[in-house]
Protein backbone atom coordinates (compact mmCIF):
# COMPACT_ATOMS: atom_id res chain seq x y z
CA MET A 1 -17.40 -6.44 -35.86
CA LYS A 2 -18.58 -3.13 -34.44
CA PHE A 3 -17.77 -3.05 -30.77
CA LEU A 4 -20.14 -2.13 -27.99
CA ASP A 5 -21.05 1.58 -27.93
CA ASP A 6 -20.53 2.93 -24.43
CA LYS A 7 -21.12 6.57 -23.58
CA GLY A 8 -18.61 6.33 -20.77
CA LYS A 9 -15.99 4.48 -22.80
CA THR A 10 -14.12 7.59 -23.94
CA THR A 11 -14.01 8.92 -20.40
CA LYS A 12 -12.63 5.62 -19.09
CA ILE A 13 -9.96 5.50 -21.79
CA ARG A 14 -8.93 9.05 -20.97
CA TRP A 15 -8.74 8.08 -17.30
CA LEU A 16 -6.48 5.15 -18.15
CA LEU A 17 -4.30 7.39 -20.32
CA GLY A 18 -4.11 9.86 -17.43
CA VAL A 19 -2.93 7.15 -15.05
CA ALA A 20 -0.31 6.01 -17.57
CA CYS A 21 0.94 9.57 -18.10
CA ILE A 22 1.14 10.27 -14.36
CA VAL A 23 3.11 7.09 -13.71
CA ALA A 24 5.35 7.57 -16.76
CA THR A 25 6.11 11.15 -15.71
CA GLY A 26 6.39 10.48 -11.99
CA VAL A 27 9.02 7.77 -12.32
CA TRP A 28 11.53 10.34 -13.61
CA PHE A 29 11.28 12.31 -10.36
CA PHE A 30 13.00 9.40 -8.61
CA PRO A 31 16.78 9.01 -8.72
CA ALA A 32 18.37 6.72 -11.30
CA ILE A 33 18.29 3.01 -10.44
CA PRO A 34 21.50 1.16 -11.35
CA GLN A 35 21.56 -2.59 -11.86
CA ASP A 36 22.33 -4.25 -8.53
CA PRO A 37 25.32 -6.58 -9.09
CA SER A 38 23.76 -9.06 -6.65
CA TYR A 39 20.91 -9.52 -9.16
CA HIS A 40 23.11 -12.09 -10.92
CA ASP A 41 23.64 -14.05 -7.69
CA PHE A 42 21.09 -16.81 -8.16
CA ALA A 43 20.57 -19.73 -5.81
CA ASP A 44 21.09 -22.26 -8.59
CA THR A 45 24.83 -22.82 -9.08
CA GLY A 46 24.70 -26.52 -9.93
CA LYS A 47 26.26 -27.89 -13.12
CA TYR A 48 24.74 -31.01 -14.66
CA PHE A 49 25.33 -32.58 -18.09
CA GLY A 50 27.82 -29.80 -18.78
CA ILE A 51 25.18 -27.10 -18.29
CA PRO A 52 26.06 -24.45 -15.67
CA HIS A 53 23.24 -23.09 -13.50
CA PHE A 54 21.31 -26.09 -14.76
CA TRP A 55 17.81 -25.41 -13.43
CA ASN A 56 17.88 -21.72 -14.34
CA VAL A 57 18.84 -22.63 -17.91
CA VAL A 58 16.61 -25.63 -18.63
CA SER A 59 13.56 -24.08 -16.96
CA ASN A 60 13.37 -21.82 -20.02
CA LEU A 61 12.27 -24.74 -22.20
CA PRO A 62 8.56 -24.08 -21.42
CA PHE A 63 8.93 -20.63 -23.02
CA LEU A 64 10.08 -22.27 -26.24
CA ALA A 65 7.18 -24.73 -26.19
CA VAL A 66 4.54 -22.08 -25.40
CA GLY A 67 5.96 -19.74 -28.03
CA ILE A 68 5.62 -22.40 -30.74
CA LEU A 69 2.15 -23.47 -29.59
CA GLY A 70 1.04 -19.86 -29.49
CA LEU A 71 2.24 -19.15 -33.00
CA PHE A 72 0.24 -22.14 -34.26
CA ALA A 73 -2.79 -20.95 -32.28
CA THR A 74 -2.39 -17.49 -33.82
CA ARG A 75 -2.55 -18.98 -37.31
CA ARG A 76 -5.80 -20.77 -36.47
CA GLY A 77 -7.17 -17.57 -34.94
CA GLN A 78 -10.35 -19.09 -33.49
CA GLY A 79 -10.34 -17.14 -30.23
CA GLY A 80 -8.65 -13.95 -31.35
CA LEU A 81 -9.38 -10.99 -33.57
CA PRO A 82 -8.10 -11.62 -37.11
CA GLU A 83 -7.11 -7.96 -37.31
CA LEU A 84 -4.70 -8.50 -34.40
CA SER A 85 -2.95 -11.57 -35.78
CA ALA A 86 0.36 -9.69 -35.95
CA ASN A 87 -0.01 -8.61 -32.30
CA TYR A 88 -0.61 -12.18 -31.12
CA ALA A 89 2.26 -13.43 -33.27
CA VAL A 90 4.69 -10.86 -31.84
CA PHE A 91 3.65 -11.78 -28.31
CA PHE A 92 4.36 -15.47 -28.81
CA ALA A 93 7.52 -14.75 -30.79
CA GLY A 94 8.63 -12.69 -27.78
CA VAL A 95 7.83 -15.61 -25.48
CA PHE A 96 9.85 -18.00 -27.66
CA LEU A 97 12.80 -15.60 -27.89
CA THR A 98 12.62 -15.05 -24.13
CA GLY A 99 13.32 -18.76 -23.73
CA LEU A 100 16.43 -18.43 -25.88
CA GLY A 101 17.59 -15.14 -24.38
CA SER A 102 16.98 -16.15 -20.79
CA GLY A 103 18.71 -19.48 -21.32
CA TYR A 104 21.72 -17.66 -22.79
CA TYR A 105 21.77 -15.20 -19.89
CA HIS A 106 21.56 -17.85 -17.19
CA TRP A 107 24.37 -19.86 -18.81
CA HIS A 108 26.66 -16.95 -17.94
CA PRO A 109 24.76 -14.28 -15.96
CA ASP A 110 26.12 -10.75 -16.23
CA ASN A 111 24.99 -7.38 -17.56
CA GLN A 112 26.12 -8.17 -21.11
CA THR A 113 24.06 -11.34 -21.46
CA LEU A 114 21.16 -9.79 -19.53
CA VAL A 115 20.49 -7.57 -22.55
CA TRP A 116 19.47 -10.65 -24.56
CA ASP A 117 17.15 -11.73 -21.77
CA ARG A 118 15.40 -8.38 -21.50
CA VAL A 119 14.92 -7.43 -25.16
CA PRO A 120 12.54 -10.31 -26.01
CA MET A 121 10.65 -9.78 -22.76
CA THR A 122 9.86 -6.24 -23.86
CA LEU A 123 8.44 -7.67 -27.10
CA ALA A 124 6.03 -9.78 -25.06
CA PHE A 125 5.11 -6.96 -22.65
CA MET A 126 4.43 -4.42 -25.38
CA ALA A 127 2.60 -6.87 -27.64
CA LEU A 128 0.36 -7.90 -24.75
CA LEU A 129 -0.46 -4.26 -24.02
CA SER A 130 -1.35 -3.70 -27.67
CA ILE A 131 -3.57 -6.81 -27.62
CA ILE A 132 -5.52 -5.51 -24.64
CA ILE A 133 -5.92 -2.15 -26.36
CA GLY A 134 -7.36 -3.92 -29.41
CA GLU A 135 -9.66 -6.26 -27.50
CA HIS A 136 -11.00 -3.65 -25.08
CA MET A 137 -10.58 -0.24 -26.74
CA ASP A 138 -9.90 0.08 -30.45
CA VAL A 139 -8.54 -2.38 -33.01
CA ARG A 140 -7.10 0.28 -35.30
CA ALA A 141 -5.25 1.95 -32.43
CA SER A 142 -3.85 -1.44 -31.40
CA ARG A 143 -2.47 -2.12 -34.86
CA LEU A 144 -0.99 1.37 -35.16
CA LEU A 145 0.61 1.21 -31.73
CA LEU A 146 2.14 -2.26 -31.97
CA TRP A 147 5.45 -1.36 -33.61
CA PRO A 148 5.95 1.99 -31.82
CA LEU A 149 5.40 0.17 -28.51
CA ILE A 150 7.91 -2.49 -29.50
CA MET A 151 10.47 0.18 -30.37
CA VAL A 152 9.87 1.83 -27.00
CA GLY A 153 10.43 -1.53 -25.29
CA ILE A 154 13.69 -2.19 -27.12
CA ALA A 155 14.82 1.40 -26.50
CA SER A 156 14.28 0.93 -22.76
CA VAL A 157 16.78 -1.94 -22.71
CA GLY A 158 19.18 0.01 -24.92
CA TYR A 159 18.96 3.01 -22.60
CA TRP A 160 19.68 0.87 -19.54
CA HIS A 161 22.64 -0.84 -21.22
CA TRP A 162 24.05 2.48 -22.43
CA THR A 163 23.82 4.09 -18.99
CA GLU A 164 25.49 1.04 -17.45
CA SER A 165 28.38 1.43 -19.91
CA LEU A 166 28.78 5.01 -18.69
CA GLY A 167 28.91 3.84 -15.09
CA GLN A 168 25.58 5.54 -14.36
CA GLY A 169 23.13 2.68 -14.79
CA ASP A 170 19.47 3.62 -14.88
CA LEU A 171 16.66 1.03 -14.88
CA ARG A 172 13.77 3.48 -14.64
CA PHE A 173 12.82 3.34 -18.33
CA TYR A 174 13.00 -0.45 -18.48
CA GLY A 175 11.09 -0.77 -15.20
CA LEU A 176 8.36 1.42 -16.67
CA VAL A 177 8.09 -0.80 -19.75
CA GLN A 178 7.82 -3.91 -17.60
CA PHE A 179 5.51 -2.76 -14.84
CA LEU A 180 3.26 -0.09 -16.39
CA PRO A 181 1.43 -2.61 -18.62
CA MET A 182 0.84 -4.78 -15.56
CA LEU A 183 -0.89 -1.80 -13.96
CA ILE A 184 -2.86 -0.62 -16.99
CA ILE A 185 -4.01 -4.07 -18.14
CA PRO A 186 -5.90 -5.01 -14.91
CA LEU A 187 -7.48 -1.54 -14.81
CA THR A 188 -8.59 -2.00 -18.41
CA LEU A 189 -10.09 -5.41 -17.65
CA VAL A 190 -12.11 -3.86 -14.81
CA LEU A 191 -13.21 -0.68 -16.57
CA LEU A 192 -13.80 -1.71 -20.18
CA PRO A 193 -15.70 -4.73 -21.53
CA SER A 194 -13.92 -7.23 -23.72
CA ARG A 195 -14.87 -8.23 -27.24
CA PHE A 196 -14.77 -11.81 -25.99
CA SER A 197 -16.94 -13.98 -23.79
CA SER A 198 -14.34 -14.34 -21.04
CA VAL A 199 -11.42 -12.37 -19.63
CA ILE A 200 -10.36 -15.14 -17.25
CA TYR A 201 -7.46 -16.06 -19.54
CA VAL A 202 -6.03 -12.54 -19.43
CA TRP A 203 -6.45 -12.46 -15.66
CA ALA A 204 -4.50 -15.72 -15.57
CA VAL A 205 -1.65 -14.00 -17.41
CA ILE A 206 -1.61 -11.21 -14.80
CA VAL A 207 -1.79 -13.59 -11.83
CA ALA A 208 0.96 -15.78 -13.27
CA TYR A 209 3.16 -12.72 -13.70
CA ALA A 210 2.59 -11.68 -10.07
CA VAL A 211 3.36 -15.20 -8.86
CA SER A 212 6.51 -15.30 -10.98
CA LYS A 213 7.79 -12.08 -9.40
CA LEU A 214 7.21 -13.52 -5.93
CA LEU A 215 9.06 -16.70 -6.83
CA GLU A 216 11.91 -14.61 -8.21
CA TYR A 217 12.10 -12.60 -4.97
CA PHE A 218 12.27 -15.72 -2.81
CA ASP A 219 14.81 -17.50 -5.01
CA HIS A 220 17.30 -18.31 -2.24
CA GLU A 221 14.66 -19.03 0.39
CA LEU A 222 12.98 -21.63 -1.80
CA PHE A 223 16.33 -23.21 -2.59
CA ARG A 224 17.05 -23.60 1.11
CA LEU A 225 13.57 -25.04 1.60
CA THR A 226 13.72 -27.57 -1.24
CA GLY A 227 17.43 -28.27 -1.19
CA PHE A 228 17.71 -28.54 -4.99
CA ILE A 229 15.68 -25.86 -6.82
CA GLY A 230 15.27 -22.16 -6.18
CA GLY A 231 12.52 -19.69 -6.91
CA HIS A 232 13.98 -18.42 -10.17
CA PRO A 233 13.47 -21.61 -12.20
CA LEU A 234 9.94 -21.77 -10.80
CA LYS A 235 9.50 -18.17 -11.88
CA HIS A 236 10.23 -19.21 -15.47
CA ILE A 237 7.65 -21.97 -15.28
CA ALA A 238 4.98 -19.68 -13.77
CA ALA A 239 5.58 -17.01 -16.42
CA ALA A 240 5.41 -19.60 -19.21
CA LEU A 241 2.11 -20.89 -17.83
CA GLY A 242 0.80 -17.32 -17.91
CA ALA A 243 1.71 -17.05 -21.59
CA TYR A 244 0.07 -20.43 -22.17
CA ALA A 245 -3.18 -18.99 -20.77
CA LEU A 246 -3.29 -16.61 -23.73
CA CYS A 247 -2.56 -19.54 -26.02
CA LEU A 248 -5.61 -21.30 -24.56
CA ALA A 249 -7.64 -18.13 -25.03
CA LEU A 250 -6.95 -18.18 -28.77
CA GLY A 251 -8.45 -21.65 -28.94
CA ARG A 252 -11.37 -21.36 -26.54
CA ARG A 253 -12.77 -17.83 -26.42
CA ARG A 254 -15.71 -16.68 -28.50
CA LEU A 255 -16.75 -13.22 -29.59
CA ALA A 256 -19.41 -11.32 -27.71
CA GLU A 257 -22.34 -9.85 -29.63
CA PRO A 258 -23.37 -6.23 -28.92
CA VAL A 259 -27.15 -5.90 -28.58
CA ASN A 260 -28.94 -2.76 -27.35
CA ASP A 261 -25.90 -1.38 -25.53
CA ALA A 262 -25.43 -4.62 -23.60
CA VAL A 263 -23.15 -7.55 -24.23
CA VAL A 264 -24.80 -10.92 -24.64
CA PHE A 265 -23.30 -14.20 -25.78
CA PRO A 266 -24.64 -16.65 -28.37
CA ASN A 267 -25.79 -20.04 -27.16
CA GLU A 268 -23.68 -21.91 -29.70
């Protein structure tokens, strides 16, 4: 399907690339950010059924479920671009592996196990960015960028882990991989039309991510409030729901039809 011709589209894409370049360059002017040891100090310390940090571990089950559902939805491909099937599949594979990696990390939280939590998350972040590029900018660019973006994501975790081993931990690269897509994606949704009838599902992914970060920040406060569960397990659930929104999108969205430089939608 030929996408909507927009005289200002190239300018908007260049603007987005400019923002990405400024942020990616600017972050290196800040001092290195080591991993705070208190990061591993979660509110959930309970052990039930032989599982330490019970709620932090079992709350990763929704990632496994959403990952499997998403992979099935990708195969059906009703609400996605067939050309981006690999991108969707990598995203949901990343979600599934995040459930495994995060569960492993929370069983025994330290910097060594944290690697296996962060690597699959970068798969999901980078795949999602490539999906947005394909649905709003250019399908060919999305397919070409998928694997380089994934390698960048994995490299960011490798760089952090390597610098930690040297006693000079630096999270800047990993932070860029995690947070830059969450800046560029909303800007893309606002500036460039989608190939699909609705972008509400992608907005749901962004909102769920923001909520999950808030829940993570207030982990101990929520534990004191509830008396049995902290913010971190709820963070897992919120993030999984965000991924599920994209799963729903693959089953419910429909393609827009470009007509006379305007997007209209079929009645069917």
